[in-house]
Amino acid sequence: MNKITRILAALLTGCVLLTGCGNSGESSTSDSGTSSDTSVSDNTSSGDADTQQPELGPYDGANIYIEDNTFKLAGEEVWLTGMNVPWQKWDDFGGGYNADYWQDVFAMMNEKGFNSCRIWINCSGNNGVEIDERGNVSGATEKHWQDLDSLFTLAAENEIYIMATLMSFDHFKDENYKHTRWRAMVQDTEKIDSYIENYVIPFCKRYDSNDYVWSIDLINEPDWVHENAECGQISWDCLGDYFARACAAIHENTDDMLVTIGFGMIKYNSAKHEGDYSSDKFLQSRYDNENAFIDFTSVHYYDWQYQWFSCPFVATAEEFGIDISKPRVVGECSHEGIKVSRKDVKPIEDCYEWAYNNGWNGVMAWTDRDLFSSNDGKEQWACVQLAGERMTAILNGTYTPAEESEAA
């Protein structure tokens, strides 16, 4: 039992159960995206999700919070030994959700020392969330909520903290048959408000009592929505309108959920480069509300970026360009680690250790295939689990570096 598990066990044992705007890399893409089931459920939509809140009693009171610029749980610092399991099939929640698969994934993660997981709650926006042709959001399907109820309960039972990614640049891609709806939504503050009022806030209220839903990632890699013609090349001002309003709503409608934005590259996530579009200053310039801020920074890194921006596994957070006034995690990176040069080769377990020793607060390596039935998924897991094992030993004080072991 690792340190985090021991803390959680002690904590849970002692808990009392309480019933607008006018007008790519290797990461985060799915080979199955265009062939996935894009049908919308006929189930009744439910914007008032908070009125159907599941009874999650035991999972309230185990929240991760921020103190002294670190993540903490019950007064002890928590390092996020995490991974991405963004989907099983693509558009799972309100689509082809398989509870048995997720139970097995969470149990396997817990066994190997992982405490956190990033999951795409919506992959393409083609099902689950109800959005009309003009970009107005009215709620979500009942199946979407039921699938998430199951997912988050399984996560809590296995002591895995979920970073819930609400949307992706994929929503805006030409190949997505609802892309015009999502582009219309994000370029009109009234439509943004419909998404927040009828989906984001109900999500928050429904799952606020499950502290294993510890954070919300507003969008996966908005960089491509801004840069790529196939995603609409939408302005940062419009995207900032969504970021700011959503941040404020999450802070105002939950007790302790944290919020971040999963930028694809440091280029748009740092004042050192082309501007930090998650900064308090930028967000509050788009929405005059003191609650319009992210709680921690989440950056993505793949080796194609190295020639321009360096790498978070060979540079401290400050050197890499991150605002170190907030906790910071590497929200995505290759399961293979880094291979940018002979000098900078690091397997993924070394990357986690390096980040731990150099001011980062967590790492979440990327997987994007079924971890049991897919050969690619099995290979990804075989790599990533080494990071979980390494961090378990480090956090438990039982790790001996190879060079020290050889010297002994």
Protein backbone atom coordinates (compact mmCIF):
# COMPACT_ATOMS: atom_id res chain seq x y z
CA MET A 1 0.00 0.00 0.00
CA ASN A 2 1.57 3.28 -1.09
CA LYS A 3 1.71 6.51 0.91
CA ILE A 4 -1.31 8.04 -0.83
CA THR A 5 -3.38 4.91 -0.26
CA ARG A 6 -2.46 4.82 3.42
CA ILE A 7 -3.49 8.46 3.84
CA LEU A 8 -6.77 7.87 2.03
CA ALA A 9 -7.56 4.74 4.01
CA ALA A 10 -7.02 6.54 7.30
CA LEU A 11 -9.01 9.53 6.16
CA LEU A 12 -11.96 7.57 4.82
CA THR A 13 -12.13 5.32 7.85
CA GLY A 14 -12.65 8.36 10.08
CA CYS A 15 -15.13 10.16 7.85
CA VAL A 16 -18.78 10.55 8.75
CA LEU A 17 -20.72 9.40 5.67
CA LEU A 18 -22.82 12.30 4.37
CA THR A 19 -25.94 11.47 2.64
CA GLY A 20 -18.31 37.62 -27.25
CA CYS A 21 -16.68 37.74 -29.92
CA GLY A 22 -17.62 39.32 -33.24
CA ASN A 23 -18.04 37.36 -35.46
CA SER A 24 -0.04 19.08 -35.33
CA GLY A 25 1.57 17.06 -32.98
CA GLU A 26 1.44 13.33 -32.13
CA SER A 27 -0.72 14.02 -29.08
CA SER A 28 -4.43 13.74 -28.55
CA THR A 29 -5.58 12.39 -31.88
CA SER A 30 -7.69 9.30 -32.41
CA ASP A 31 -7.37 7.03 -35.42
CA SER A 32 -10.91 5.96 -34.65
CA GLY A 33 -12.29 9.49 -34.47
CA THR A 34 -13.84 9.55 -37.92
CA SER A 35 -15.19 6.03 -37.76
CA SER A 36 -16.70 6.23 -34.29
CA ASP A 37 -20.39 6.04 -33.53
CA THR A 38 -21.64 9.60 -33.90
CA SER A 39 -25.31 8.99 -33.23
CA VAL A 40 -26.99 11.08 -30.57
CA SER A 41 -28.87 9.23 -27.87
CA ASP A 42 -32.65 9.47 -27.87
CA ASN A 43 -32.68 9.61 -24.09
CA THR A 44 -34.21 12.65 -22.46
CA SER A 45 -31.69 15.45 -21.99
CA SER A 46 -31.03 16.68 -18.51
CA GLY A 47 -29.68 20.16 -17.89
CA ASP A 48 -30.73 19.94 -14.24
CA ALA A 49 -28.28 17.18 -13.44
CA ASP A 50 -27.87 18.39 -9.87
CA THR A 51 -31.43 17.30 -9.07
CA GLN A 52 -30.41 13.69 -9.82
CA GLN A 53 -27.18 13.69 -7.86
CA PRO A 54 -26.05 10.13 -7.02
CA GLU A 55 -25.51 9.11 -3.40
CA LEU A 56 -21.72 9.25 -3.19
CA GLY A 57 -21.33 9.68 0.58
CA PRO A 58 -17.98 7.91 1.23
CA TYR A 59 -16.27 9.85 -1.54
CA ASP A 60 -16.85 13.27 0.00
CA GLY A 61 -14.05 14.41 2.29
CA ALA A 62 -11.07 13.01 0.38
CA ASN A 63 -10.37 16.10 -1.67
CA ILE A 64 -7.04 17.17 -3.11
CA TYR A 65 -6.50 20.87 -2.49
CA ILE A 66 -3.77 23.44 -3.05
CA GLU A 67 -1.67 24.83 -0.21
CA ASP A 68 1.84 26.31 -0.27
CA ASN A 69 1.86 25.93 -4.07
CA THR A 70 1.51 22.15 -3.88
CA PHE A 71 -1.30 19.60 -4.00
CA LYS A 72 -2.26 18.27 -0.60
CA LEU A 73 -4.52 15.64 0.90
CA ALA A 74 -5.30 15.65 4.63
CA GLY A 75 -2.34 17.92 5.27
CA GLU A 76 0.17 15.78 3.37
CA GLU A 77 1.71 16.71 0.03
CA VAL A 78 0.41 14.69 -2.93
CA TRP A 79 2.46 14.12 -6.07
CA LEU A 80 0.27 13.18 -9.03
CA THR A 81 1.52 9.90 -10.40
CA GLY A 82 -0.93 9.94 -13.26
CA MET A 83 -1.66 8.77 -16.78
CA ASN A 84 -4.04 9.50 -19.62
CA VAL A 85 -6.69 6.90 -20.38
CA PRO A 86 -8.80 9.33 -22.41
CA TRP A 87 -11.22 6.77 -23.83
CA GLN A 88 -11.71 3.10 -24.54
CA LYS A 89 -13.59 3.38 -27.85
CA TRP A 90 -13.96 7.18 -28.38
CA ASP A 91 -17.05 9.11 -27.24
CA ASP A 92 -17.67 6.50 -24.54
CA PHE A 93 -19.87 8.48 -22.16
CA GLY A 94 -23.31 8.55 -23.70
CA GLY A 95 -22.04 6.10 -26.30
CA GLY A 96 -20.45 2.67 -25.91
CA TYR A 97 -19.42 2.90 -22.26
CA ASN A 98 -18.17 -0.38 -20.75
CA ALA A 99 -18.06 -0.31 -16.94
CA ASP A 100 -16.09 -3.56 -16.72
CA TYR A 101 -13.27 -2.08 -18.78
CA TRP A 102 -12.96 0.99 -16.58
CA GLN A 103 -13.11 -1.06 -13.39
CA ASP A 104 -10.22 -3.15 -14.67
CA VAL A 105 -8.23 -0.06 -15.74
CA PHE A 106 -8.64 1.69 -12.39
CA ALA A 107 -7.79 -1.45 -10.41
CA MET A 108 -4.68 -2.01 -12.52
CA MET A 109 -3.60 1.61 -12.08
CA ASN A 110 -4.04 1.45 -8.31
CA GLU A 111 -2.02 -1.75 -8.13
CA LYS A 112 0.89 -0.13 -9.97
CA GLY A 113 0.96 2.99 -7.81
CA PHE A 114 -1.00 5.50 -9.91
CA ASN A 115 -3.29 7.91 -8.10
CA SER A 116 -4.72 10.00 -10.96
CA CYS A 117 -6.09 9.71 -14.47
CA ARG A 118 -7.04 12.17 -17.21
CA ILE A 119 -10.18 11.15 -19.14
CA TRP A 120 -11.96 12.88 -22.04
CA ILE A 121 -15.57 13.17 -20.92
CA ASN A 122 -16.48 14.31 -24.44
CA CYS A 123 -14.21 13.38 -27.38
CA SER A 124 -15.92 14.90 -30.42
CA GLY A 125 -19.07 16.57 -29.09
CA ASN A 126 -21.19 14.39 -31.36
CA ASN A 127 -23.04 12.67 -28.53
CA GLY A 128 -23.73 13.21 -24.85
CA VAL A 129 -24.06 17.00 -24.87
CA GLU A 130 -27.17 18.40 -26.58
CA ILE A 131 -26.20 21.28 -28.89
CA ASP A 132 -28.44 22.68 -31.63
CA GLU A 133 -27.49 23.92 -35.09
CA ARG A 134 -27.02 27.49 -33.84
CA GLY A 135 -24.65 26.46 -31.05
CA ASN A 136 -27.06 26.63 -28.12
CA VAL A 137 -26.57 23.93 -25.48
CA SER A 138 -29.65 22.63 -23.68
CA GLY A 139 -28.15 19.91 -21.50
CA ALA A 140 -26.95 16.33 -21.82
CA THR A 141 -28.50 12.95 -22.46
CA GLU A 142 -29.53 10.84 -19.50
CA LYS A 143 -27.19 8.08 -20.69
CA HIS A 144 -24.27 10.52 -20.56
CA TRP A 145 -24.98 11.26 -16.91
CA GLN A 146 -25.56 7.60 -16.06
CA ASP A 147 -22.27 6.56 -17.66
CA LEU A 148 -20.39 9.27 -15.78
CA ASP A 149 -22.09 8.29 -12.51
CA SER A 150 -20.72 4.79 -12.99
CA LEU A 151 -17.26 5.94 -14.13
CA PHE A 152 -16.69 8.29 -11.22
CA THR A 153 -17.97 5.81 -8.66
CA LEU A 154 -15.55 3.18 -9.98
CA ALA A 155 -12.72 5.70 -9.84
CA ALA A 156 -13.50 6.50 -6.22
CA GLU A 157 -13.74 2.85 -5.24
CA ASN A 158 -10.28 2.32 -6.69
CA GLU A 159 -8.87 5.56 -5.25
CA ILE A 160 -8.07 7.11 -8.62
CA TYR A 161 -8.45 10.89 -8.91
CA ILE A 162 -9.99 12.02 -12.21
CA MET A 163 -9.06 15.05 -14.30
CA ALA A 164 -12.22 15.38 -16.41
CA THR A 165 -11.52 16.90 -19.84
CA LEU A 166 -14.78 18.45 -21.03
CA MET A 167 -13.98 19.00 -24.72
CA SER A 168 -11.19 18.87 -27.29
CA PHE A 169 -10.01 20.61 -30.42
CA ASP A 170 -11.64 17.63 -32.16
CA HIS A 171 -15.05 19.24 -31.53
CA PHE A 172 -14.11 21.98 -33.99
CA LYS A 173 -12.54 19.89 -36.78
CA ASP A 174 -14.09 19.90 -40.26
CA GLU A 175 -14.47 16.11 -40.18
CA ASN A 176 -16.73 16.32 -37.11
CA TYR A 177 -20.30 16.64 -38.35
CA LYS A 178 -21.21 19.01 -35.50
CA HIS A 179 -18.15 21.22 -35.87
CA THR A 180 -20.17 24.25 -37.04
CA ARG A 181 -22.26 24.06 -33.88
CA TRP A 182 -19.26 24.09 -31.58
CA ARG A 183 -17.60 26.91 -33.51
CA ALA A 184 -20.82 28.92 -33.23
CA MET A 185 -20.99 28.22 -29.50
CA VAL A 186 -17.49 29.38 -28.64
CA GLN A 187 -17.76 32.60 -30.68
CA ASP A 188 -20.87 33.95 -28.95
CA THR A 189 -20.91 34.68 -25.23
CA GLU A 190 -24.65 34.00 -24.94
CA LYS A 191 -24.11 30.54 -26.41
CA ILE A 192 -21.08 30.02 -24.18
CA ASP A 193 -23.35 30.84 -21.25
CA SER A 194 -25.86 28.23 -22.44
CA TYR A 195 -23.09 25.60 -22.38
CA ILE A 196 -21.98 26.65 -18.93
CA GLU A 197 -25.45 26.97 -17.43
CA ASN A 198 -26.84 23.77 -18.94
CA TYR A 199 -23.80 21.51 -18.91
CA VAL A 200 -20.79 22.77 -16.93
CA ILE A 201 -22.71 23.85 -13.82
CA PRO A 202 -24.90 20.72 -13.76
CA PHE A 203 -21.71 18.64 -14.09
CA CYS A 204 -20.17 20.50 -11.16
CA LYS A 205 -23.20 20.17 -8.92
CA ARG A 206 -23.70 16.51 -9.76
CA TYR A 207 -20.14 15.49 -8.92
CA ASP A 208 -19.05 18.02 -6.32
CA SER A 209 -19.70 15.46 -3.59
CA ASN A 210 -17.31 12.96 -5.18
CA ASP A 211 -13.87 14.30 -4.31
CA TYR A 212 -12.23 11.86 -6.69
CA VAL A 213 -13.50 14.12 -9.47
CA TRP A 214 -10.76 16.45 -8.35
CA SER A 215 -10.31 18.71 -11.38
CA ILE A 216 -11.77 19.86 -14.68
CA ASP A 217 -9.67 20.38 -17.81
CA LEU A 218 -11.71 22.85 -19.88
CA ILE A 219 -10.42 21.74 -23.28
CA ASN A 220 -7.78 19.51 -24.75
CA GLU A 221 -5.22 21.51 -26.76
CA PRO A 222 -7.03 24.70 -27.73
CA ASP A 223 -3.83 25.65 -29.57
CA TRP A 224 -5.10 23.78 -32.65
CA VAL A 225 -8.50 25.49 -32.53
CA HIS A 226 -6.61 28.77 -32.82
CA GLU A 227 -3.91 27.71 -35.31
CA ASN A 228 -5.43 25.15 -37.67
CA ALA A 229 -7.77 25.99 -40.55
CA GLU A 230 -9.48 22.62 -40.13
CA CYS A 231 -10.50 23.71 -36.61
CA GLY A 232 -11.72 27.20 -37.56
CA GLN A 233 -8.72 29.32 -36.51
CA ILE A 234 -10.77 30.86 -33.71
CA SER A 235 -9.31 33.85 -31.88
CA TRP A 236 -7.84 33.65 -28.40
CA ASP A 237 -10.33 36.30 -27.32
CA CYS A 238 -13.23 33.98 -28.14
CA LEU A 239 -11.56 30.99 -26.55
CA GLY A 240 -10.74 33.19 -23.57
CA ASP A 241 -14.41 34.09 -23.20
CA TYR A 242 -15.13 30.39 -22.70
CA PHE A 243 -12.15 29.79 -20.42
CA ALA A 244 -12.95 32.73 -18.16
CA ARG A 245 -16.68 32.10 -17.81
CA ALA A 246 -16.18 28.41 -17.21
CA CYS A 247 -13.49 28.97 -14.58
CA ALA A 248 -15.73 31.37 -12.68
CA ALA A 249 -18.68 28.99 -12.87
CA ILE A 250 -16.66 26.04 -11.57
CA HIS A 251 -15.27 28.04 -8.65
CA GLU A 252 -18.70 29.43 -7.79
CA ASN A 253 -20.59 26.14 -8.02
CA THR A 254 -18.28 23.66 -6.28
CA ASP A 255 -16.70 23.40 -2.87
CA ASP A 256 -13.29 22.20 -3.98
CA MET A 257 -13.04 21.23 -7.67
CA LEU A 258 -9.92 22.60 -9.32
CA VAL A 259 -9.72 23.80 -12.92
CA THR A 260 -7.03 23.91 -15.60
CA ILE A 261 -6.57 24.08 -19.39
CA GLY A 262 -4.61 21.40 -21.26
CA PHE A 263 -2.50 23.43 -23.67
CA GLY A 264 -0.79 21.48 -26.44
CA MET A 265 2.47 23.42 -26.26
CA ILE A 266 4.19 25.96 -24.06
CA LYS A 267 4.00 28.48 -26.93
CA TYR A 268 0.61 29.74 -25.73
CA ASN A 269 0.97 28.80 -22.10
CA SER A 270 3.84 31.05 -21.08
CA ALA A 271 4.75 34.73 -21.09
CA LYS A 272 8.22 33.55 -22.13
CA HIS A 273 6.88 32.75 -25.61
CA GLU A 274 3.76 34.11 -27.37
CA GLY A 275 1.61 34.79 -24.35
CA ASP A 276 -0.03 32.96 -21.46
CA TYR A 277 -3.67 32.51 -22.42
CA SER A 278 -4.44 30.93 -19.08
CA SER A 279 -3.09 33.78 -16.95
CA ASP A 280 -5.31 35.54 -14.43
CA LYS A 281 -4.69 38.80 -16.29
CA PHE A 282 -5.88 37.46 -19.64
CA LEU A 283 -8.88 35.58 -18.29
CA GLN A 284 -10.11 38.47 -16.19
CA SER A 285 -9.68 40.82 -19.16
CA ARG A 286 -12.22 38.64 -20.97
CA TYR A 287 -14.61 38.37 -18.01
CA ASP A 288 -14.54 40.78 -15.11
CA ASN A 289 -14.85 38.23 -12.33
CA GLU A 290 -12.28 37.48 -9.63
CA ASN A 291 -13.11 33.77 -9.93
CA ALA A 292 -11.96 33.67 -13.56
CA PHE A 293 -8.64 31.89 -13.00
CA ILE A 294 -7.12 28.45 -13.33
CA ASP A 295 -5.89 26.70 -10.20
CA PHE A 296 -2.89 24.93 -11.72
CA THR A 297 -1.06 24.74 -15.03
CA SER A 298 -1.20 21.69 -17.30
CA VAL A 299 1.26 21.51 -20.20
CA HIS A 300 1.63 18.89 -22.93
CA TYR A 301 4.99 17.86 -24.35
CA TYR A 302 6.08 15.70 -27.31
CA ASP A 303 9.52 15.56 -28.89
CA TRP A 304 8.57 17.55 -32.01
CA GLN A 305 8.39 20.60 -29.74
CA TYR A 306 11.93 20.36 -28.41
CA GLN A 307 13.68 22.41 -31.12
CA TRP A 308 11.54 25.44 -30.33
CA PHE A 309 10.60 25.22 -26.66
CA SER A 310 12.94 22.79 -24.90
CA CYS A 311 11.45 20.06 -22.72
CA PRO A 312 9.96 19.88 -19.22
CA PHE A 313 12.07 16.79 -18.52
CA VAL A 314 15.39 18.54 -19.10
CA ALA A 315 14.41 21.97 -17.75
CA THR A 316 12.91 23.06 -14.47
CA ALA A 317 9.38 24.42 -14.60
CA GLU A 318 10.73 27.97 -14.42
CA GLU A 319 13.29 27.36 -17.18
CA PHE A 320 10.65 25.76 -19.36
CA GLY A 321 8.57 28.93 -19.04
CA ILE A 322 5.82 27.95 -16.61
CA ASP A 323 4.28 30.34 -14.10
CA ILE A 324 5.62 28.83 -10.89
CA SER A 325 3.19 30.76 -8.70
CA LYS A 326 0.77 27.84 -9.18
CA PRO A 327 1.19 24.06 -9.11
CA ARG A 328 2.12 22.60 -12.50
CA VAL A 329 1.75 19.21 -14.10
CA VAL A 330 2.77 17.65 -17.39
CA GLY A 331 -0.74 16.71 -18.50
CA GLU A 332 0.42 14.73 -21.54
CA CYS A 333 3.67 13.23 -22.76
CA SER A 334 4.69 10.19 -24.76
CA HIS A 335 4.52 6.80 -23.03
CA GLU A 336 8.05 6.25 -24.35
CA GLY A 337 9.56 9.22 -22.53
CA ILE A 338 11.83 11.53 -24.55
CA LYS A 339 14.27 10.72 -27.36
CA VAL A 340 15.25 14.15 -28.64
CA SER A 341 18.96 13.40 -28.82
CA ARG A 342 21.46 10.86 -27.58
CA LYS A 343 22.17 13.14 -24.66
CA ASP A 344 18.53 13.65 -23.68
CA VAL A 345 17.10 10.13 -23.98
CA LYS A 346 14.97 9.31 -20.96
CA PRO A 347 12.52 6.40 -20.60
CA ILE A 348 9.18 7.39 -19.13
CA GLU A 349 10.04 6.25 -15.59
CA ASP A 350 13.09 8.55 -15.64
CA CYS A 351 10.91 11.43 -16.84
CA TYR A 352 8.56 11.05 -13.85
CA GLU A 353 11.48 10.88 -11.44
CA TRP A 354 13.17 13.91 -13.01
CA ALA A 355 9.96 15.93 -12.84
CA TYR A 356 9.44 14.93 -9.20
CA ASN A 357 12.95 16.11 -8.31
CA ASN A 358 12.73 19.37 -10.26
CA GLY A 359 9.67 21.26 -9.13
CA TRP A 360 6.82 19.65 -11.06
CA ASN A 361 3.75 18.44 -9.18
CA GLY A 362 2.78 15.52 -11.38
CA VAL A 363 3.03 13.80 -14.76
CA MET A 364 0.39 12.04 -16.86
CA ALA A 365 1.78 9.95 -19.73
CA TRP A 366 -0.40 9.37 -22.79
CA THR A 367 -2.18 6.18 -23.84
CA ASP A 368 -4.94 6.11 -26.45
CA ARG A 369 -5.81 2.44 -27.10
CA ASP A 370 -7.71 -0.25 -25.23
CA LEU A 371 -5.13 -1.32 -22.65
CA PHE A 372 -6.21 -4.98 -22.69
CA SER A 373 -7.34 -5.98 -26.20
CA SER A 374 -5.14 -3.72 -28.37
CA ASN A 375 -1.49 -4.55 -29.03
CA ASP A 376 -0.72 -0.82 -29.10
CA GLY A 377 -2.52 -0.36 -25.78
CA LYS A 378 -0.66 -3.24 -24.17
CA GLU A 379 2.64 -1.75 -25.34
CA GLN A 380 1.70 1.68 -24.01
CA TRP A 381 0.74 0.24 -20.63
CA ALA A 382 3.92 -1.86 -20.45
CA CYS A 383 5.91 1.38 -20.66
CA VAL A 384 3.76 3.59 -18.44
CA GLN A 385 3.42 1.10 -15.60
CA LEU A 386 7.18 1.38 -15.06
CA ALA A 387 6.62 5.01 -14.06
CA GLY A 388 4.00 3.99 -11.52
CA GLU A 389 6.32 1.42 -10.02
CA ARG A 390 9.23 3.88 -9.90
CA MET A 391 7.17 6.61 -8.22
CA THR A 392 5.70 4.16 -5.70
CA ALA A 393 9.22 3.25 -4.61
CA ILE A 394 10.32 6.89 -4.50
CA LEU A 395 7.31 8.00 -2.46
CA ASN A 396 7.66 5.04 -0.10
CA GLY A 397 11.37 5.68 0.38
CA THR A 398 12.36 2.27 -0.99
CA TYR A 399 13.86 3.36 -4.32
CA THR A 400 17.55 2.84 -4.94
CA PRO A 401 18.93 4.35 -8.18
CA ALA A 402 20.63 1.82 -10.44
CA GLU A 403 24.06 3.43 -10.07
CA GLU A 404 23.85 3.26 -6.26
CA SER A 405 22.69 -0.34 -6.39
CA GLU A 406 25.62 -1.27 -8.65
CA ALA A 407 28.09 0.56 -6.41
CA ALA A 408 26.84 -1.33 -3.36
